[in-house]
Amino acid sequence: MTVAGHLAEGLAEQGVRYVFGIPGGPSLPYIEEFRRCGIEFILTSSETAAAVMADVTGRITGIPGVCLATFGPGAVNLASGIGGALLDRSPVIALTSEVPDAMRQRTCQMNIDHQALFRPLTKATWRIYRSQAESAIRNACVLACREYPGPVHIGLPSDIAELDPGSEEVLAPPPGDKLPGGDTKVELERMLRKAESPVMAVGLTAARLSLGPALLEFLEKKPIPVVVTPMAKGLIPPGHPCYSGVLFHARSDLLKQVYRDSDLVIGFGYDPVEFNYESWMPDVPLVSINTVAVDLPVKAEALQFVGDLREGLQLADASLGRLSADSLDAVRNAREEFRKAFVSSADGFSPVTALRVLREELPAETIMTADVGSHLHLLGQYWDPAGPGNLIMTNGWSSMGFGLPAAIAAQIQHPERPVVCLTGDGGILMCLGELATASRCRLPLTVVVFADRQLNLIGLKEGWRGTGNFASSLYEGDLFGAENILGVKVIRAGEAECLKLAVRDALNDPGPVVIETVVDPSDYERLILPA
């Protein structure tokens, strides 16, 4: 058994079924061993996309997603996607080739210090020796999945893959995370008992741990207003009487009426990486219930419960006393104002109208992945996913180019379900080569491109500054101007009826389809708030 064989078998034993990436020569022995162990290697068009696919695979399965890149430029390209796994809290193993020991301190082609590169982007980075393949994989998977989940990097010296590992030189298991203890139970109970008009803010951690049922059970007994962060969308059904809306996304100013008169904010699985507390909450006490100690604003009264979130809910249930009888009136008012706000006033074919068409035409079980841009602000507030996990986005890292590789990973994991990527023209240009990946893998996903010829969110910010669109214009004319690109069918839609027919066509196509949806962006100015 070679080093490559031990590493491949270690990944297979952990449940890994796919590795995404772009190989170099030293990677080939590993890829051959992956195949022997039943692990499929998915060739991507960029290393960044490979890391995104590993990220989303880890989110969906709970098993670390794995990506692979070569020296220097390959590792640097991989790094951006690895940053996404870190700040979006996804378990990932990143493998990169590294120069042999004899050349590490020498001047040579493609040689940089990979540990220095990945240290700020990962939970840990290791360069392994040939006798550490098994223990490195085992320990990396343990660490990647530990709260908060995140990426671990393993550097593979290029001259060890086909060597006999010899006796196992065990790599020490990673230490447990040092978590500060939560504040005393007595103080938390006191703050909760005093509250008459609390608001609950639900976030990424609660969504990752699939705590929707526990949360709904709590709200049956303690019906208090709930706001959610973007990545927690879908954890509570949008029709639930306590559900108010999404912080940070389109027209989130309407949520002020929900929390402005509150006397306590309860953060439940709220990860400030999405949206800092002080960016929205009123000057009232804060109780954070989370799996790890989080970054809290500097307040006179801000306490945190660190541990099992269900136990934290039980504490809140037992401690909350008499609640304001009219606490949900503001929720109903906010939802009605959201409904009115999302009636398009644009003269042309607007993003709001296009989203309405998509919601009407797509099956309830559709998985929607979203790229970053103005369209995400609308989608995050307006879209009603049929349950948690059906809307996949990046909000901790927020890198453009996320949507398409995320959709590829989701479709690989759920071949039986419709998968749709919603992106802007700026986002698709950053990862266009992954259309070839989707085509080569024969994935029946649909890519809806909201085309308005600019980086619209940057254009809005230029407008808020009173300048012209000097840094946001992308191109003139049509985006694709063809019926086929990289082997993928392109359908152009510039009105609602055309989009309906295009969606039906795409859902019946056995391969990937791009729908170039030409939109009038004027609704963005009305719905997106100045930052």
Protein backbone atom coordinates (compact mmCIF):
# COMPACT_ATOMS: atom_id res chain seq x y z
CA MET A 1 0.00 0.00 0.00
CA THR A 2 1.35 3.39 -1.00
CA VAL A 3 0.90 6.76 0.67
CA ALA A 4 -1.68 7.63 -1.99
CA GLY A 5 -3.52 4.38 -1.30
CA HIS A 6 -3.64 5.01 2.45
CA LEU A 7 -4.94 8.55 1.90
CA ALA A 8 -7.63 7.41 -0.56
CA GLU A 9 -8.79 4.60 1.70
CA GLY A 10 -8.92 7.01 4.63
CA LEU A 11 -11.20 9.34 2.69
CA ALA A 12 -13.41 6.46 1.54
CA GLU A 13 -13.78 5.24 5.12
CA GLN A 14 -14.99 8.70 6.11
CA GLY A 15 -17.74 8.47 3.48
CA VAL A 16 -16.15 10.70 0.83
CA ARG A 17 -17.48 9.87 -2.66
CA TYR A 18 -16.24 12.82 -4.75
CA VAL A 19 -13.07 14.90 -5.03
CA PHE A 20 -13.22 18.15 -7.02
CA GLY A 21 -10.26 19.88 -8.58
CA ILE A 22 -7.61 20.33 -11.22
CA PRO A 23 -4.67 17.91 -11.03
CA GLY A 24 -1.00 18.41 -11.56
CA GLY A 25 1.42 15.59 -12.34
CA PRO A 26 2.03 14.71 -8.66
CA SER A 27 -1.75 14.42 -8.12
CA LEU A 28 -2.24 11.58 -10.60
CA PRO A 29 -1.31 8.70 -8.26
CA TYR A 30 -3.88 9.99 -5.78
CA ILE A 31 -6.58 10.23 -8.45
CA GLU A 32 -5.86 6.65 -9.53
CA GLU A 33 -6.23 5.51 -5.92
CA PHE A 34 -9.43 7.51 -5.51
CA ARG A 35 -10.91 5.55 -8.41
CA ARG A 36 -9.81 2.25 -6.89
CA CYS A 37 -11.58 3.19 -3.67
CA GLY A 38 -14.82 4.22 -5.37
CA ILE A 39 -14.19 7.97 -5.15
CA GLU A 40 -15.01 9.87 -8.34
CA PHE A 41 -12.74 12.72 -9.37
CA ILE A 42 -14.68 15.67 -10.83
CA LEU A 43 -12.48 17.80 -13.09
CA THR A 44 -13.45 21.47 -12.79
CA SER A 45 -12.52 24.50 -14.87
CA SER A 46 -11.07 26.42 -11.93
CA GLU A 47 -9.73 25.53 -8.52
CA THR A 48 -11.94 28.18 -6.89
CA ALA A 49 -15.02 26.41 -8.22
CA ALA A 50 -13.64 23.08 -6.96
CA ALA A 51 -13.46 24.50 -3.44
CA VAL A 52 -17.02 25.83 -3.71
CA MET A 53 -18.23 22.39 -4.82
CA ALA A 54 -16.44 20.82 -1.85
CA ASP A 55 -18.00 23.43 0.44
CA VAL A 56 -21.57 22.73 -0.74
CA THR A 57 -20.97 18.96 -0.70
CA GLY A 58 -19.91 19.26 2.94
CA ARG A 59 -22.98 21.35 3.78
CA ILE A 60 -25.39 18.87 2.20
CA THR A 61 -23.87 15.61 3.42
CA GLY A 62 -22.26 16.57 6.73
CA ILE A 63 -19.17 14.67 5.48
CA PRO A 64 -16.18 16.87 4.61
CA GLY A 65 -16.12 17.87 0.96
CA VAL A 66 -12.72 17.35 -0.65
CA CYS A 67 -10.92 19.48 -3.24
CA LEU A 68 -7.49 19.17 -4.81
CA ALA A 69 -5.04 21.53 -6.50
CA THR A 70 -1.43 21.65 -7.58
CA PHE A 71 1.46 23.87 -6.45
CA GLY A 72 1.52 27.66 -6.32
CA PRO A 73 -1.11 29.09 -8.67
CA GLY A 74 -3.40 26.10 -8.18
CA ALA A 75 -3.24 26.49 -4.42
CA VAL A 76 -3.77 30.26 -4.62
CA ASN A 77 -6.85 29.80 -6.83
CA LEU A 78 -8.17 27.20 -4.39
CA ALA A 79 -7.72 29.58 -1.47
CA SER A 80 -10.63 31.88 -2.34
CA GLY A 81 -13.11 29.03 -2.22
CA ILE A 82 -11.52 27.73 0.98
CA GLY A 83 -12.15 31.12 2.59
CA GLY A 84 -15.82 30.56 1.75
CA ALA A 85 -15.82 27.24 3.59
CA LEU A 86 -14.26 28.96 6.60
CA LEU A 87 -16.73 31.84 6.91
CA ASP A 88 -19.80 29.93 5.68
CA ARG A 89 -18.98 27.15 8.20
CA SER A 90 -18.62 24.14 5.89
CA PRO A 91 -16.47 21.04 6.55
CA VAL A 92 -13.84 20.73 3.80
CA ILE A 93 -10.51 18.97 3.25
CA ALA A 94 -8.21 20.85 0.87
CA LEU A 95 -5.35 18.85 -0.66
CA THR A 96 -2.47 20.53 -2.48
CA SER A 97 0.78 19.26 -3.93
CA GLU A 98 3.91 20.79 -2.41
CA VAL A 99 7.56 20.69 -3.39
CA PRO A 100 9.77 18.00 -1.81
CA ASP A 101 11.57 18.72 1.44
CA ALA A 102 14.87 19.25 -0.34
CA MET A 103 13.41 22.13 -2.38
CA ARG A 104 11.26 23.91 0.22
CA GLN A 105 13.85 26.60 0.97
CA ARG A 106 15.15 26.80 -2.61
CA THR A 107 14.15 29.10 -5.42
CA CYS A 108 12.10 26.98 -7.79
CA GLN A 109 9.12 27.19 -10.09
CA MET A 110 5.65 27.44 -8.48
CA ASN A 111 7.05 27.20 -4.95
CA ILE A 112 5.38 29.18 -2.16
CA ASP A 113 4.75 28.38 1.49
CA HIS A 114 1.33 26.71 1.38
CA GLN A 115 1.02 26.64 5.17
CA ALA A 116 1.48 30.41 5.30
CA LEU A 117 -1.11 30.76 2.54
CA PHE A 118 -3.78 28.60 4.15
CA ARG A 119 -3.19 29.35 7.85
CA PRO A 120 -5.60 32.33 8.02
CA LEU A 121 -8.17 30.55 5.82
CA THR A 122 -8.44 27.22 7.62
CA LYS A 123 -8.90 25.64 11.03
CA ALA A 124 -5.50 23.95 10.56
CA THR A 125 -2.89 23.34 7.88
CA TRP A 126 -0.50 20.36 7.86
CA ARG A 127 2.33 19.24 5.61
CA ILE A 128 2.36 15.48 6.05
CA TYR A 129 5.19 13.00 6.00
CA ARG A 130 4.78 9.70 4.20
CA SER A 131 4.01 7.75 7.39
CA GLN A 132 1.16 10.07 8.40
CA ALA A 133 -1.37 9.61 5.59
CA GLU A 134 -3.95 7.64 7.60
CA SER A 135 -3.84 9.68 10.80
CA ALA A 136 -3.76 13.00 8.89
CA ILE A 137 -7.02 12.23 7.07
CA ARG A 138 -8.74 10.89 10.16
CA ASN A 139 -7.75 13.88 12.29
CA ALA A 140 -8.49 16.39 9.53
CA CYS A 141 -12.03 15.05 9.19
CA VAL A 142 -12.58 15.23 12.95
CA LEU A 143 -11.38 18.82 13.07
CA ALA A 144 -13.27 19.89 9.93
CA CYS A 145 -16.58 18.72 11.42
CA ARG A 146 -16.06 20.10 14.93
CA GLU A 147 -18.00 23.26 15.82
CA TYR A 148 -17.75 25.53 13.99
CA PRO A 149 -17.22 23.30 10.94
CA GLY A 150 -14.62 24.57 8.51
CA PRO A 151 -11.77 23.70 6.15
CA VAL A 152 -8.52 21.87 6.93
CA HIS A 153 -5.58 21.97 4.51
CA ILE A 154 -3.19 19.05 3.95
CA GLY A 155 0.00 19.62 1.98
CA LEU A 156 1.26 16.58 0.05
CA PRO A 157 4.98 16.62 -0.82
CA SER A 158 5.20 15.70 -4.49
CA ASP A 159 7.67 12.83 -3.99
CA ILE A 160 5.74 10.68 -1.48
CA ALA A 161 2.58 9.50 -3.29
CA GLU A 162 3.93 6.17 -4.55
CA LEU A 163 6.21 5.38 -1.62
CA ASP A 164 5.57 2.73 1.00
CA PRO A 165 4.53 4.70 4.08
CA GLY A 166 6.51 2.45 6.40
CA SER A 167 5.53 2.29 10.03
CA GLU A 168 2.78 4.71 10.93
CA GLU A 169 4.17 7.87 12.47
CA VAL A 170 0.91 8.98 14.03
CA LEU A 171 0.01 12.61 13.65
CA ALA A 172 -1.33 13.83 16.97
CA PRO A 173 -5.09 14.39 16.94
CA PRO A 174 -6.09 18.04 16.91
CA PRO A 175 -6.87 19.48 20.33
CA GLY A 176 -10.48 20.17 21.21
CA ASP A 177 -11.69 23.69 20.65
CA LYS A 178 -11.21 25.76 23.79
CA LEU A 179 -14.65 27.18 24.39
CA PRO A 180 -15.16 29.77 27.09
CA GLY A 181 -17.84 28.69 29.51
CA GLY A 182 -21.26 30.25 29.17
CA ASP A 183 -22.45 32.89 31.58
CA THR A 184 -24.10 31.73 34.76
CA LYS A 185 -27.52 30.20 34.41
CA VAL A 186 -28.92 32.47 37.12
CA GLU A 187 -28.03 35.65 35.19
CA LEU A 188 -29.51 34.31 31.95
CA GLU A 189 -32.72 33.28 33.69
CA ARG A 190 -33.00 36.74 35.22
CA MET A 191 -32.71 38.47 31.84
CA LEU A 192 -35.22 36.12 30.25
CA ARG A 193 -37.76 36.46 33.09
CA LYS A 194 -37.70 40.27 32.85
CA ALA A 195 -38.60 40.27 29.14
CA GLU A 196 -42.15 41.06 28.08
CA SER A 197 -41.51 41.85 24.40
CA PRO A 198 -38.57 39.69 23.27
CA VAL A 199 -37.53 39.14 19.66
CA MET A 200 -35.66 36.06 18.48
CA ALA A 201 -32.94 36.31 15.82
CA VAL A 202 -32.24 32.93 14.22
CA GLY A 203 -29.06 32.32 12.26
CA LEU A 204 -26.71 30.07 10.37
CA THR A 205 -25.79 27.73 13.23
CA ALA A 206 -29.42 26.80 13.89
CA ALA A 207 -29.90 26.15 10.17
CA ARG A 208 -26.76 24.00 9.91
CA LEU A 209 -27.95 21.83 12.78
CA SER A 210 -31.47 21.44 11.29
CA LEU A 211 -33.17 22.79 14.41
CA GLY A 212 -36.36 23.90 12.66
CA PRO A 213 -38.61 21.33 14.42
CA ALA A 214 -37.23 22.23 17.86
CA LEU A 215 -37.67 25.93 17.12
CA LEU A 216 -41.26 25.47 15.94
CA GLU A 217 -42.07 23.48 19.08
CA PHE A 218 -40.66 26.33 21.19
CA LEU A 219 -42.68 28.95 19.28
CA GLU A 220 -45.90 27.01 19.87
CA LYS A 221 -45.40 27.61 23.59
CA LYS A 222 -43.71 31.00 23.37
CA PRO A 223 -45.03 32.84 20.27
CA ILE A 224 -42.54 35.67 19.86
CA PRO A 225 -41.46 37.54 16.70
CA VAL A 226 -38.63 35.92 14.75
CA VAL A 227 -36.20 37.46 12.29
CA VAL A 228 -33.68 35.31 10.41
CA THR A 229 -30.34 35.85 8.74
CA PRO A 230 -30.08 35.05 5.01
CA MET A 231 -28.50 31.61 5.43
CA ALA A 232 -31.22 30.58 7.90
CA LYS A 233 -33.99 31.25 5.35
CA GLY A 234 -36.31 28.25 5.18
CA LEU A 235 -35.78 27.10 8.76
CA ILE A 236 -39.21 28.54 9.63
CA PRO A 237 -42.08 28.29 7.12
CA PRO A 238 -42.75 31.76 5.66
CA GLY A 239 -46.43 31.46 6.63
CA HIS A 240 -45.68 30.84 10.32
CA PRO A 241 -47.32 33.55 12.47
CA CYS A 242 -44.00 34.37 14.19
CA TYR A 243 -41.93 34.73 11.00
CA SER A 244 -41.14 38.37 10.21
CA GLY A 245 -38.51 38.38 7.45
CA VAL A 246 -34.80 38.36 6.61
CA LEU A 247 -32.25 40.73 8.06
CA PHE A 248 -29.82 42.49 5.69
CA HIS A 249 -31.67 41.64 2.48
CA ALA A 250 -34.16 43.68 0.43
CA ARG A 251 -36.29 46.18 2.37
CA SER A 252 -35.13 44.83 5.71
CA ASP A 253 -35.90 48.30 7.08
CA LEU A 254 -39.50 47.06 7.32
CA LEU A 255 -38.37 44.79 10.15
CA LYS A 256 -37.65 47.76 12.42
CA GLN A 257 -41.28 47.85 13.47
CA VAL A 258 -40.87 44.26 14.68
CA TYR A 259 -37.88 44.81 16.95
CA ARG A 260 -37.75 48.56 17.74
CA ASP A 261 -40.00 48.25 20.82
CA SER A 262 -38.55 44.95 22.00
CA ASP A 263 -36.97 44.69 25.43
CA LEU A 264 -34.70 41.69 24.72
CA VAL A 265 -33.06 40.08 21.69
CA ILE A 266 -32.51 36.31 21.87
CA GLY A 267 -29.90 35.16 19.36
CA PHE A 268 -30.56 31.51 18.57
CA GLY A 269 -27.72 29.94 16.60
CA TYR A 270 -26.94 33.46 15.39
CA ASP A 271 -23.53 33.71 13.74
CA PRO A 272 -22.39 37.36 13.49
CA VAL A 273 -20.31 36.45 10.41
CA GLU A 274 -23.51 37.07 8.41
CA PHE A 275 -24.62 40.33 10.01
CA ASN A 276 -23.26 41.91 13.20
CA TYR A 277 -25.78 42.42 15.97
CA GLU A 278 -24.98 46.12 16.31
CA SER A 279 -25.81 46.67 12.63
CA TRP A 280 -29.51 46.27 13.34
CA MET A 281 -30.62 45.57 16.91
CA PRO A 282 -31.95 48.27 19.25
CA ASP A 283 -30.20 49.22 22.47
CA VAL A 284 -31.68 46.42 24.57
CA PRO A 285 -30.20 43.42 26.41
CA LEU A 286 -28.96 40.47 24.35
CA VAL A 287 -28.90 36.77 25.14
CA SER A 288 -26.89 34.62 22.70
CA ILE A 289 -27.62 30.88 22.56
CA ASN A 290 -24.96 29.22 20.42
CA THR A 291 -22.65 26.23 20.16
CA VAL A 292 -19.56 28.39 20.57
CA ALA A 293 -18.86 31.75 22.15
CA VAL A 294 -19.55 34.44 19.56
CA ASP A 295 -18.44 38.01 18.99
CA LEU A 296 -20.95 40.16 20.88
CA PRO A 297 -21.35 43.92 20.73
CA VAL A 298 -20.00 45.91 23.66
CA LYS A 299 -23.11 46.25 25.78
CA ALA A 300 -23.86 46.58 29.46
CA GLU A 301 -26.13 43.55 29.25
CA ALA A 302 -25.03 40.88 26.79
CA LEU A 303 -24.78 37.32 28.02
CA GLN A 304 -24.29 34.04 26.21
CA PHE A 305 -25.25 30.43 26.66
CA VAL A 306 -22.60 28.18 25.07
CA GLY A 307 -23.55 24.57 24.48
CA ASP A 308 -26.35 22.45 23.05
CA LEU A 309 -28.89 24.70 21.32
CA ARG A 310 -31.84 22.52 22.36
CA GLU A 311 -30.81 22.93 25.98
CA GLY A 312 -30.65 26.67 25.42
CA LEU A 313 -34.20 26.63 24.02
CA GLN A 314 -35.38 24.71 27.07
CA LEU A 315 -33.82 27.37 29.28
CA ALA A 316 -35.60 30.12 27.34
CA ASP A 317 -38.90 28.23 27.46
CA ALA A 318 -38.67 27.74 31.22
CA SER A 319 -37.54 31.29 31.97
CA LEU A 320 -39.61 33.53 29.69
CA GLY A 321 -42.62 34.81 31.58
CA ARG A 322 -45.65 36.80 30.54
CA LEU A 323 -45.37 38.03 26.95
CA SER A 324 -46.99 41.06 25.37
CA ALA A 325 -50.36 40.10 23.88
CA ASP A 326 -49.83 42.26 20.81
CA SER A 327 -46.25 41.16 20.09
CA LEU A 328 -47.22 39.56 16.78
CA ASP A 329 -49.19 42.54 15.44
CA ALA A 330 -45.98 44.11 14.15
CA VAL A 331 -45.10 40.81 12.45
CA ARG A 332 -48.35 40.83 10.51
CA ASN A 333 -47.88 44.47 9.55
CA ALA A 334 -44.32 43.90 8.36
CA ARG A 335 -45.32 40.93 6.22
CA GLU A 336 -48.10 42.92 4.59
CA GLU A 337 -45.67 45.73 3.80
CA PHE A 338 -43.21 43.22 2.33
CA ARG A 339 -46.01 41.90 0.13
CA LYS A 340 -46.76 45.40 -1.17
CA ALA A 341 -43.07 46.20 -1.67
CA PHE A 342 -42.58 43.18 -3.92
CA VAL A 343 -45.10 44.35 -6.49
CA SER A 344 -42.99 45.53 -9.41
CA SER A 345 -43.27 49.11 -10.60
CA ALA A 346 -40.73 48.78 -13.40
CA ASP A 347 -41.74 49.58 -16.96
CA GLY A 348 -39.84 46.64 -18.40
CA PHE A 349 -39.34 43.00 -17.40
CA SER A 350 -38.21 43.34 -13.78
CA PRO A 351 -36.31 40.99 -11.47
CA VAL A 352 -39.36 40.88 -9.19
CA THR A 353 -41.56 39.69 -12.06
CA ALA A 354 -38.93 37.14 -13.09
CA LEU A 355 -38.76 35.79 -9.53
CA ARG A 356 -42.54 35.49 -9.44
CA VAL A 357 -42.46 33.47 -12.66
CA LEU A 358 -39.75 31.20 -11.29
CA ARG A 359 -41.71 30.62 -8.09
CA GLU A 360 -44.81 29.72 -10.09
CA GLU A 361 -43.05 27.41 -12.55
CA LEU A 362 -40.48 25.58 -10.41
CA PRO A 363 -41.51 22.50 -8.41
CA ALA A 364 -41.64 22.90 -4.62
CA GLU A 365 -38.70 20.50 -4.16
CA THR A 366 -36.37 22.67 -6.28
CA ILE A 367 -32.97 23.45 -4.79
CA MET A 368 -32.04 27.05 -5.57
CA THR A 369 -28.42 28.21 -5.43
CA ALA A 370 -27.72 31.91 -5.51
CA ASP A 371 -24.76 33.94 -6.61
CA VAL A 372 -23.80 37.27 -5.02
CA GLY A 373 -25.26 40.51 -6.33
CA SER A 374 -28.41 42.64 -6.36
CA HIS A 375 -30.53 39.64 -7.33
CA LEU A 376 -29.48 37.86 -4.10
CA HIS A 377 -30.89 40.67 -1.96
CA LEU A 378 -34.26 40.22 -3.65
CA LEU A 379 -34.15 36.44 -3.73
CA GLY A 380 -33.15 36.19 -0.07
CA GLN A 381 -36.19 38.17 1.06
CA TYR A 382 -38.74 37.11 -1.56
CA TRP A 383 -38.02 33.45 -2.23
CA ASP A 384 -39.91 30.86 -0.17
CA PRO A 385 -37.84 27.66 -0.12
CA ALA A 386 -39.87 24.57 0.75
CA GLY A 387 -37.82 23.78 3.82
CA PRO A 388 -34.25 24.32 5.08
CA GLY A 389 -31.39 23.54 2.74
CA ASN A 390 -33.35 24.36 -0.40
CA LEU A 391 -31.78 27.81 -0.75
CA ILE A 392 -27.97 27.68 -0.88
CA MET A 393 -25.92 30.86 -0.79
CA THR A 394 -22.73 32.38 0.56
CA ASN A 395 -23.13 35.18 3.05
CA GLY A 396 -20.17 34.85 5.39
CA TRP A 397 -17.68 35.00 2.49
CA SER A 398 -19.93 36.53 -0.19
CA SER A 399 -17.80 35.81 -3.24
CA MET A 400 -19.19 36.21 -6.74
CA GLY A 401 -18.92 33.09 -8.86
CA PHE A 402 -20.44 30.90 -6.13
CA GLY A 403 -23.82 30.06 -7.67
CA LEU A 404 -22.94 27.79 -10.61
CA PRO A 405 -20.37 25.53 -8.87
CA ALA A 406 -22.74 25.34 -5.88
CA ALA A 407 -25.51 24.14 -8.22
CA ILE A 408 -23.21 21.51 -9.74
CA ALA A 409 -22.42 20.10 -6.29
CA ALA A 410 -26.10 20.16 -5.28
CA GLN A 411 -27.15 18.37 -8.47
CA ILE A 412 -24.48 15.69 -8.00
CA GLN A 413 -25.76 15.04 -4.49
CA HIS A 414 -29.44 15.21 -5.49
CA PRO A 415 -29.73 13.88 -9.06
CA GLU A 416 -33.46 13.24 -8.55
CA ARG A 417 -34.34 16.88 -7.77
CA PRO A 418 -34.52 20.03 -9.90
CA VAL A 419 -31.55 22.34 -9.22
CA VAL A 420 -31.57 25.95 -10.38
CA CYS A 421 -28.75 28.48 -10.14
CA LEU A 422 -29.74 32.15 -10.08
CA THR A 423 -26.86 34.44 -10.98
CA GLY A 424 -26.15 37.81 -12.49
CA ASP A 425 -24.16 38.41 -15.63
CA GLY A 426 -21.14 39.48 -13.56
CA GLY A 427 -21.29 36.28 -11.53
CA ILE A 428 -21.60 33.94 -14.50
CA LEU A 429 -18.64 35.60 -16.22
CA MET A 430 -16.49 34.66 -13.22
CA CYS A 431 -17.21 30.94 -13.52
CA LEU A 432 -18.36 30.46 -17.11
CA GLY A 433 -16.02 27.52 -17.63
CA GLU A 434 -18.04 25.46 -15.15
CA LEU A 435 -20.78 25.17 -17.79
CA ALA A 436 -18.39 22.74 -19.46
CA THR A 437 -18.14 20.86 -16.16
CA ALA A 438 -21.93 20.61 -15.91
CA SER A 439 -22.16 19.47 -19.52
CA ARG A 440 -19.41 16.88 -19.16
CA CYS A 441 -21.11 15.49 -16.03
CA ARG A 442 -24.48 15.46 -17.88
CA LEU A 443 -26.20 17.38 -15.11
CA PRO A 444 -29.76 18.56 -15.85
CA LEU A 445 -29.44 21.81 -13.91
CA THR A 446 -30.87 25.16 -14.99
CA VAL A 447 -28.84 28.38 -14.87
CA VAL A 448 -30.95 31.55 -14.82
CA VAL A 449 -28.83 34.62 -15.56
CA PHE A 450 -30.36 38.00 -14.70
CA ALA A 451 -28.68 40.05 -17.41
CA ASP A 452 -28.57 43.83 -17.04
CA ARG A 453 -25.08 44.44 -18.50
CA GLN A 454 -23.50 45.63 -15.27
CA LEU A 455 -22.33 44.81 -11.78
CA ASN A 456 -25.62 46.20 -10.55
CA LEU A 457 -24.87 46.29 -6.83
CA ILE A 458 -21.71 48.29 -7.55
CA GLY A 459 -23.72 50.51 -9.88
CA LEU A 460 -26.18 51.22 -7.07
CA LYS A 461 -23.34 52.16 -4.76
CA GLU A 462 -21.93 54.47 -7.42
CA GLY A 463 -25.36 56.08 -7.58
CA TRP A 464 -25.52 56.53 -3.82
CA ARG A 465 -22.17 58.34 -4.06
CA GLY A 466 -23.46 60.53 -6.88
CA THR A 467 -20.91 59.35 -9.45
CA GLY A 468 -21.41 57.83 -12.89
CA ASN A 469 -21.17 54.11 -13.64
CA PHE A 470 -17.43 54.14 -14.22
CA ALA A 471 -16.62 50.82 -12.56
CA SER A 472 -19.70 48.67 -13.13
CA SER A 473 -20.49 48.44 -16.86
CA LEU A 474 -19.73 44.97 -18.23
CA TYR A 475 -20.59 44.79 -21.95
CA GLU A 476 -22.92 45.99 -24.70
CA GLY A 477 -25.51 43.96 -26.59
CA ASP A 478 -26.47 40.42 -25.59
CA LEU A 479 -24.51 38.47 -23.01
CA PHE A 480 -24.23 35.26 -25.05
CA GLY A 481 -25.56 36.11 -28.52
CA ALA A 482 -25.74 32.42 -29.39
CA GLU A 483 -27.99 29.40 -28.90
CA ASN A 484 -25.17 27.32 -27.45
CA ILE A 485 -22.13 28.00 -25.29
CA LEU A 486 -19.57 25.38 -24.23
CA GLY A 487 -21.99 22.68 -25.28
CA VAL A 488 -24.86 24.08 -23.21
CA LYS A 489 -28.16 25.27 -24.69
CA VAL A 490 -28.93 28.99 -24.23
CA ILE A 491 -32.49 30.35 -24.23
CA ARG A 492 -33.10 34.11 -24.22
CA ALA A 493 -36.09 35.47 -22.28
CA GLY A 494 -37.05 39.14 -22.16
CA GLU A 495 -40.60 38.91 -20.86
CA ALA A 496 -42.66 36.83 -18.44
CA GLU A 497 -44.25 34.50 -20.97
CA CYS A 498 -40.90 33.73 -22.60
CA LEU A 499 -39.41 32.92 -19.20
CA LYS A 500 -42.28 30.56 -18.40
CA LEU A 501 -41.71 28.62 -21.61
CA ALA A 502 -37.93 28.63 -21.10
CA VAL A 503 -38.24 27.19 -17.58
CA ARG A 504 -40.55 24.42 -18.81
CA ASP A 505 -38.14 23.64 -21.63
CA ALA A 506 -35.16 23.55 -19.26
CA LEU A 507 -36.87 21.26 -16.74
CA ASN A 508 -37.50 18.73 -19.51
CA ASP A 509 -33.97 18.84 -20.91
CA PRO A 510 -31.60 16.02 -19.88
CA GLY A 511 -28.60 18.37 -19.81
CA PRO A 512 -27.79 21.81 -18.44
CA VAL A 513 -29.62 24.83 -19.85
CA VAL A 514 -28.83 28.53 -19.52
CA ILE A 515 -31.71 31.03 -19.54
CA GLU A 516 -30.43 34.52 -20.36
CA THR A 517 -33.11 36.59 -18.61
CA VAL A 518 -32.88 40.19 -19.77
CA VAL A 519 -34.22 42.34 -16.92
CA ASP A 520 -34.94 46.00 -16.27
CA PRO A 521 -32.91 46.66 -13.09
CA SER A 522 -34.86 49.71 -11.88
CA ASP A 523 -36.62 47.75 -9.11
CA TYR A 524 -33.27 47.19 -7.43
CA GLU A 525 -33.03 50.92 -6.66
CA ARG A 526 -36.35 50.76 -4.83
CA LEU A 527 -35.78 47.53 -2.91
CA ILE A 528 -32.10 47.51 -1.95
CA LEU A 529 -31.11 49.73 0.95
CA PRO A 530 -27.98 51.90 0.93
CA ALA A 531 -25.25 50.22 2.94
